[in-house]
Amino acid sequence: MPRRLLNCVKGATAIEYGLLAALLALVLVVALPALTHELRSNLVRAREGMKGKPCSSDPLAGGTQCG
């Protein structure tokens, strides 16, 4: 019986997967707020840049043009 337990790697594999999942969760917790803030500021700048500029859709001019 002890030899069989020494050769068993299922528990070690489960621990490794658990550690990888914990590391991924930590990376997401750290990275997502920074990415969310950057994306939000880019969208706000784009919205502010388009305020008051009428858009027209002209297929010959290459699509939608604003300003």
C-alpha atoms as a PDB file:
ATOM      1  CA  MET A   1       0.000   0.000   0.000  1.00  0.00           C
ATOM      2  CA  PRO A   2       2.683   2.642   0.798  1.00  0.00           C
ATOM      3  CA  ARG A   3       4.358   2.126  -2.600  1.00  0.00           C
ATOM      4  CA  ARG A   4       1.067   2.794  -4.336  1.00  0.00           C
ATOM      5  CA  LEU A   5       0.665   6.044  -2.400  1.00  0.00           C
ATOM      6  CA  LEU A   6       4.183   7.156  -3.327  1.00  0.00           C
ATOM      7  CA  ASN A   7       3.452   6.627  -7.014  1.00  0.00           C
ATOM      8  CA  CYS A   8       0.095   8.441  -6.919  1.00  0.00           C
ATOM      9  CA  VAL A   9       0.285  11.862  -8.581  1.00  0.00           C
ATOM     10  CA  LYS A  10      -3.408  12.749  -8.730  1.00  0.00           C
ATOM     11  CA  GLY A  11      -3.240  14.849  -5.579  1.00  0.00           C
ATOM     12  CA  ALA A  12      -0.157  16.713  -6.803  1.00  0.00           C
ATOM     13  CA  THR A  13      -1.837  17.447 -10.132  1.00  0.00           C
ATOM     14  CA  ALA A  14      -4.923  18.777  -8.384  1.00  0.00           C
ATOM     15  CA  ILE A  15      -2.765  21.039  -6.210  1.00  0.00           C
ATOM     16  CA  GLU A  16      -0.911  22.319  -9.278  1.00  0.00           C
ATOM     17  CA  TYR A  17      -4.189  23.140 -11.023  1.00  0.00           C
ATOM     18  CA  GLY A  18      -5.397  24.871  -7.879  1.00  0.00           C
ATOM     19  CA  LEU A  19      -2.238  26.983  -7.736  1.00  0.00           C
ATOM     20  CA  LEU A  20      -2.597  27.907 -11.416  1.00  0.00           C
ATOM     21  CA  ALA A  21      -6.219  28.915 -10.880  1.00  0.00           C
ATOM     22  CA  ALA A  22      -5.229  31.046  -7.875  1.00  0.00           C
ATOM     23  CA  LEU A  23      -2.458  32.721  -9.874  1.00  0.00           C
ATOM     24  CA  LEU A  24      -4.836  33.460 -12.755  1.00  0.00           C
ATOM     25  CA  ALA A  25      -7.379  34.931 -10.343  1.00  0.00           C
ATOM     26  CA  LEU A  26      -4.698  37.146  -8.808  1.00  0.00           C
ATOM     27  CA  VAL A  27      -3.584  38.389 -12.234  1.00  0.00           C
ATOM     28  CA  LEU A  28      -7.189  39.206 -13.173  1.00  0.00           C
ATOM     29  CA  VAL A  29      -7.816  41.043  -9.905  1.00  0.00           C
ATOM     30  CA  VAL A  30      -4.722  43.178 -10.458  1.00  0.00           C
ATOM     31  CA  ALA A  31      -5.038  43.754 -14.229  1.00  0.00           C
ATOM     32  CA  LEU A  32      -8.772  44.310 -14.773  1.00  0.00           C
ATOM     33  CA  PRO A  33      -9.132  47.570 -12.816  1.00  0.00           C
ATOM     34  CA  ALA A  34      -6.233  49.121 -14.735  1.00  0.00           C
ATOM     35  CA  LEU A  35      -7.578  47.965 -18.097  1.00  0.00           C
ATOM     36  CA  THR A  36     -11.101  49.091 -17.235  1.00  0.00           C
ATOM     37  CA  HIS A  37      -9.885  52.562 -16.289  1.00  0.00           C
ATOM     38  CA  GLU A  38      -7.864  52.896 -19.499  1.00  0.00           C
ATOM     39  CA  LEU A  39     -10.747  51.702 -21.673  1.00  0.00           C
ATOM     40  CA  ARG A  40     -13.188  54.051 -19.961  1.00  0.00           C
ATOM     41  CA  SER A  41     -10.899  57.066 -20.430  1.00  0.00           C
ATOM     42  CA  ASN A  42     -10.432  56.216 -24.122  1.00  0.00           C
ATOM     43  CA  LEU A  43     -14.187  55.971 -24.638  1.00  0.00           C
ATOM     44  CA  VAL A  44     -14.778  59.279 -22.834  1.00  0.00           C
ATOM     45  CA  ARG A  45     -12.141  60.989 -25.016  1.00  0.00           C
ATOM     46  CA  ALA A  46     -13.744  59.555 -28.158  1.00  0.00           C
ATOM     47  CA  ARG A  47     -17.206  60.706 -27.055  1.00  0.00           C
ATOM     48  CA  GLU A  48     -15.945  64.190 -26.235  1.00  0.00           C
ATOM     49  CA  GLY A  49     -14.165  64.375 -29.581  1.00  0.00           C
ATOM     50  CA  MET A  50     -17.354  63.606 -31.488  1.00  0.00           C
ATOM     51  CA  LYS A  51     -19.679  66.021 -29.676  1.00  0.00           C
ATOM     52  CA  GLY A  52     -21.371  68.482 -31.978  1.00  0.00           C
ATOM     53  CA  LYS A  53     -19.949  67.009 -35.152  1.00  0.00           C
ATOM     54  CA  PRO A  54     -22.646  65.732 -37.526  1.00  0.00           C
ATOM     55  CA  CYS A  55     -21.927  62.462 -39.295  1.00  0.00           C
ATOM     56  CA  SER A  56     -22.851  61.537 -42.829  1.00  0.00           C
ATOM     57  CA  SER A  57     -22.722  58.157 -44.433  1.00  0.00           C
ATOM     58  CA  ASP A  58     -21.300  58.321 -47.929  1.00  0.00           C
ATOM     59  CA  PRO A  59     -20.353  54.945 -49.454  1.00  0.00           C
ATOM     60  CA  LEU A  60     -18.250  56.652 -52.138  1.00  0.00           C
ATOM     61  CA  ALA A  61     -16.196  58.496 -49.528  1.00  0.00           C
ATOM     62  CA  GLY A  62     -15.326  55.307 -47.693  1.00  0.00           C
ATOM     63  CA  GLY A  63     -18.093  54.990 -45.125  1.00  0.00           C
ATOM     64  CA  THR A  64     -19.148  57.212 -42.261  1.00  0.00           C
ATOM     65  CA  GLN A  65     -17.389  60.547 -41.899  1.00  0.00           C
ATOM     66  CA  CYS A  66     -17.761  62.943 -38.979  1.00  0.00           C
ATOM     67  CA  GLY A  67     -16.668  66.511 -38.721  1.00  0.00           C
END
